[in-house]
Amino acid sequence: MANINDNEKECATQKKQIKAYLLSGKRLTQLDALYKFQCMRLAARICELRDEGMNIKMERIKVPSGKIVASYFIPQTLF
């Protein structure tokens, strides 16, 4: 199915930024993605990156407000 998103270029830029952020070893939540990259659909960008072969894991974490949210990260291997 073709992407009919009017903001296709913006999504591609967000995806590149998110990819670089995760590759730097940092974790990312939806709220982080909104503040850092103006990304309202983090799960969609994560799905696209996984489809490209990235090994992105998700862990549920409790934030200071007490809510449980998804935190995305790339597992670091130790050698």
N, C-alpha and C. Protein backbone atom coordinates (compact mmCIF):
# COMPACT_ATOMS: atom_id res chain seq x y z
N MET A 1 0.85 -1.18 0.00
CA MET A 1 0.00 0.00 0.00
C MET A 1 0.90 1.25 0.00
N ALA A 2 0.57 2.21 -0.79
CA ALA A 2 1.36 3.43 -0.89
C ALA A 2 1.13 4.33 0.31
N ASN A 3 2.17 5.05 0.68
CA ASN A 3 2.07 6.02 1.78
C ASN A 3 1.37 7.26 1.25
N ILE A 4 0.22 7.58 1.82
CA ILE A 4 -0.53 8.76 1.37
C ILE A 4 -0.41 9.89 2.38
N ASN A 5 0.65 9.85 3.16
CA ASN A 5 0.89 10.86 4.19
C ASN A 5 1.37 12.15 3.55
N ASP A 6 0.66 13.24 3.78
CA ASP A 6 1.06 14.54 3.24
C ASP A 6 2.37 15.02 3.85
N ASN A 7 2.72 14.49 5.02
CA ASN A 7 3.93 14.90 5.72
C ASN A 7 5.06 13.88 5.56
N GLU A 8 5.12 13.23 4.42
CA GLU A 8 6.07 12.13 4.20
C GLU A 8 7.52 12.57 4.44
N LYS A 9 7.90 13.76 3.99
CA LYS A 9 9.27 14.24 4.18
C LYS A 9 9.56 14.47 5.66
N GLU A 10 8.59 15.03 6.37
CA GLU A 10 8.78 15.27 7.81
C GLU A 10 8.93 13.94 8.55
N CYS A 11 8.15 12.94 8.16
CA CYS A 11 8.24 11.62 8.79
C CYS A 11 9.61 11.01 8.56
N ALA A 12 10.14 11.16 7.34
CA ALA A 12 11.46 10.63 7.02
C ALA A 12 12.53 11.31 7.87
N THR A 13 12.41 12.61 8.07
CA THR A 13 13.37 13.35 8.90
C THR A 13 13.26 12.91 10.35
N GLN A 14 12.06 12.76 10.84
CA GLN A 14 11.86 12.29 12.21
C GLN A 14 12.46 10.90 12.38
N LYS A 15 12.25 10.05 11.40
CA LYS A 15 12.76 8.68 11.46
C LYS A 15 14.29 8.69 11.54
N LYS A 16 14.94 9.53 10.76
CA LYS A 16 16.41 9.64 10.79
C LYS A 16 16.88 10.13 12.15
N GLN A 17 16.19 11.11 12.70
CA GLN A 17 16.56 11.65 14.00
C GLN A 17 16.37 10.60 15.10
N ILE A 18 15.28 9.89 15.04
CA ILE A 18 15.01 8.85 16.04
C ILE A 18 16.03 7.73 15.93
N LYS A 19 16.36 7.35 14.72
CA LYS A 19 17.36 6.30 14.49
C LYS A 19 18.70 6.70 15.10
N ALA A 20 19.15 7.90 14.82
CA ALA A 20 20.43 8.38 15.35
C ALA A 20 20.39 8.43 16.88
N TYR A 21 19.29 8.86 17.43
CA TYR A 21 19.13 8.97 18.89
C TYR A 21 19.24 7.59 19.53
N LEU A 22 18.53 6.62 18.97
CA LEU A 22 18.58 5.26 19.52
C LEU A 22 19.96 4.62 19.33
N LEU A 23 20.58 4.87 18.20
CA LEU A 23 21.92 4.31 17.95
C LEU A 23 22.96 4.89 18.89
N SER A 24 22.69 6.06 19.45
CA SER A 24 23.63 6.67 20.40
C SER A 24 23.54 6.00 21.78
N GLY A 25 22.62 5.03 21.93
CA GLY A 25 22.50 4.30 23.18
C GLY A 25 21.45 4.84 24.14
N LYS A 26 20.68 5.82 23.69
CA LYS A 26 19.67 6.42 24.56
C LYS A 26 18.33 5.72 24.40
N ARG A 27 17.46 5.89 25.40
CA ARG A 27 16.10 5.37 25.38
C ARG A 27 15.15 6.50 24.99
N LEU A 28 13.99 6.12 24.45
CA LEU A 28 13.06 7.12 23.96
C LEU A 28 11.62 6.72 24.30
N THR A 29 10.90 7.65 24.91
CA THR A 29 9.47 7.48 25.17
C THR A 29 8.69 8.39 24.23
N GLN A 30 7.38 8.21 24.18
CA GLN A 30 6.54 9.05 23.32
C GLN A 30 6.68 10.53 23.68
N LEU A 31 6.71 10.84 24.96
CA LEU A 31 6.82 12.24 25.38
C LEU A 31 8.18 12.81 24.98
N ASP A 32 9.25 12.01 25.13
CA ASP A 32 10.58 12.44 24.67
C ASP A 32 10.55 12.75 23.18
N ALA A 33 9.94 11.85 22.40
CA ALA A 33 9.88 12.01 20.95
C ALA A 33 9.11 13.27 20.57
N LEU A 34 8.06 13.56 21.32
CA LEU A 34 7.28 14.77 21.04
C LEU A 34 8.12 16.02 21.28
N TYR A 35 8.81 16.08 22.41
CA TYR A 35 9.63 17.25 22.74
C TYR A 35 10.87 17.37 21.85
N LYS A 36 11.55 16.27 21.61
CA LYS A 36 12.82 16.33 20.88
C LYS A 36 12.66 16.43 19.36
N PHE A 37 11.66 15.71 18.82
CA PHE A 37 11.54 15.60 17.36
C PHE A 37 10.18 16.02 16.82
N GLN A 38 9.29 16.54 17.66
CA GLN A 38 7.92 16.91 17.28
C GLN A 38 7.22 15.73 16.61
N CYS A 39 7.46 14.52 17.14
CA CYS A 39 6.91 13.28 16.58
C CYS A 39 5.71 12.85 17.41
N MET A 40 4.54 12.86 16.78
CA MET A 40 3.31 12.46 17.46
C MET A 40 3.05 10.95 17.34
N ARG A 41 3.77 10.28 16.44
CA ARG A 41 3.51 8.86 16.17
C ARG A 41 4.80 8.04 16.30
N LEU A 42 5.36 8.02 17.49
CA LEU A 42 6.61 7.30 17.71
C LEU A 42 6.48 5.82 17.35
N ALA A 43 5.41 5.18 17.74
CA ALA A 43 5.25 3.75 17.46
C ALA A 43 5.31 3.47 15.95
N ALA A 44 4.77 4.36 15.15
CA ALA A 44 4.81 4.19 13.70
C ALA A 44 6.24 4.30 13.18
N ARG A 45 6.99 5.29 13.70
CA ARG A 45 8.39 5.44 13.28
C ARG A 45 9.22 4.23 13.72
N ILE A 46 8.95 3.71 14.93
CA ILE A 46 9.66 2.53 15.43
C ILE A 46 9.35 1.34 14.52
N CYS A 47 8.11 1.18 14.13
CA CYS A 47 7.70 0.10 13.23
C CYS A 47 8.45 0.18 11.90
N GLU A 48 8.57 1.39 11.36
CA GLU A 48 9.29 1.58 10.10
C GLU A 48 10.77 1.20 10.26
N LEU A 49 11.36 1.60 11.38
CA LEU A 49 12.77 1.27 11.62
C LEU A 49 12.96 -0.23 11.81
N ARG A 50 12.04 -0.88 12.48
CA ARG A 50 12.11 -2.34 12.63
C ARG A 50 11.97 -3.02 11.28
N ASP A 51 11.09 -2.50 10.43
CA ASP A 51 10.92 -3.06 9.08
C ASP A 51 12.20 -2.94 8.26
N GLU A 52 13.03 -1.95 8.59
CA GLU A 52 14.31 -1.76 7.91
C GLU A 52 15.41 -2.64 8.53
N GLY A 53 15.05 -3.41 9.56
CA GLY A 53 16.00 -4.35 10.14
C GLY A 53 16.63 -3.95 11.46
N MET A 54 16.22 -2.83 12.02
CA MET A 54 16.79 -2.42 13.31
C MET A 54 16.22 -3.27 14.44
N ASN A 55 17.10 -3.64 15.37
CA ASN A 55 16.71 -4.44 16.54
C ASN A 55 16.34 -3.50 17.68
N ILE A 56 15.10 -3.01 17.65
CA ILE A 56 14.62 -2.07 18.66
C ILE A 56 13.72 -2.84 19.62
N LYS A 57 14.04 -2.72 20.90
CA LYS A 57 13.26 -3.37 21.94
C LYS A 57 12.41 -2.34 22.66
N MET A 58 11.37 -2.84 23.34
CA MET A 58 10.50 -1.98 24.11
C MET A 58 10.39 -2.53 25.52
N GLU A 59 10.43 -1.62 26.47
CA GLU A 59 10.27 -1.99 27.87
C GLU A 59 9.25 -1.03 28.48
N ARG A 60 8.37 -1.55 29.27
CA ARG A 60 7.40 -0.69 29.97
C ARG A 60 8.07 -0.16 31.24
N ILE A 61 7.99 1.16 31.41
CA ILE A 61 8.60 1.78 32.59
C ILE A 61 7.56 2.64 33.31
N LYS A 62 7.79 2.85 34.58
CA LYS A 62 6.92 3.72 35.37
C LYS A 62 7.58 5.09 35.43
N VAL A 63 6.85 6.11 35.01
CA VAL A 63 7.36 7.48 35.03
C VAL A 63 6.97 8.14 36.36
N PRO A 64 7.58 9.28 36.69
CA PRO A 64 7.31 9.92 37.98
C PRO A 64 5.84 10.15 38.31
N SER A 65 5.00 10.33 37.30
CA SER A 65 3.57 10.53 37.56
C SER A 65 2.87 9.24 37.99
N GLY A 66 3.59 8.11 37.87
CA GLY A 66 3.01 6.82 38.22
C GLY A 66 2.46 6.05 37.03
N LYS A 67 2.41 6.68 35.86
CA LYS A 67 1.90 6.01 34.67
C LYS A 67 2.96 5.05 34.11
N ILE A 68 2.49 4.04 33.41
CA ILE A 68 3.36 3.08 32.74
C ILE A 68 3.39 3.46 31.26
N VAL A 69 4.61 3.64 30.71
CA VAL A 69 4.75 4.01 29.30
C VAL A 69 5.79 3.11 28.64
N ALA A 70 5.78 3.10 27.33
CA ALA A 70 6.76 2.34 26.56
C ALA A 70 8.06 3.14 26.43
N SER A 71 9.16 2.45 26.61
CA SER A 71 10.48 3.04 26.42
C SER A 71 11.21 2.19 25.38
N TYR A 72 11.61 2.81 24.28
CA TYR A 72 12.26 2.09 23.18
C TYR A 72 13.77 2.26 23.28
N PHE A 73 14.50 1.19 22.92
CA PHE A 73 15.96 1.22 23.00
C PHE A 73 16.54 0.13 22.11
N ILE A 74 17.84 0.24 21.84
CA ILE A 74 18.58 -0.79 21.12
C ILE A 74 19.47 -1.47 22.14
N PRO A 75 19.31 -2.79 22.29
CA PRO A 75 20.13 -3.50 23.28
C PRO A 75 21.62 -3.36 22.94
N GLN A 76 22.40 -3.09 23.96
CA GLN A 76 23.84 -2.97 23.79
C GLN A 76 24.48 -4.33 24.05
N THR A 77 25.33 -4.76 23.14
CA THR A 77 26.00 -6.04 23.32
C THR A 77 27.36 -5.78 23.95
N LEU A 78 27.74 -6.67 24.83
CA LEU A 78 29.04 -6.56 25.51
C LEU A 78 30.02 -7.53 24.88
N PHE A 79 31.18 -7.02 24.52
CA PHE A 79 32.24 -7.87 23.96
C PHE A 79 33.49 -7.67 24.75
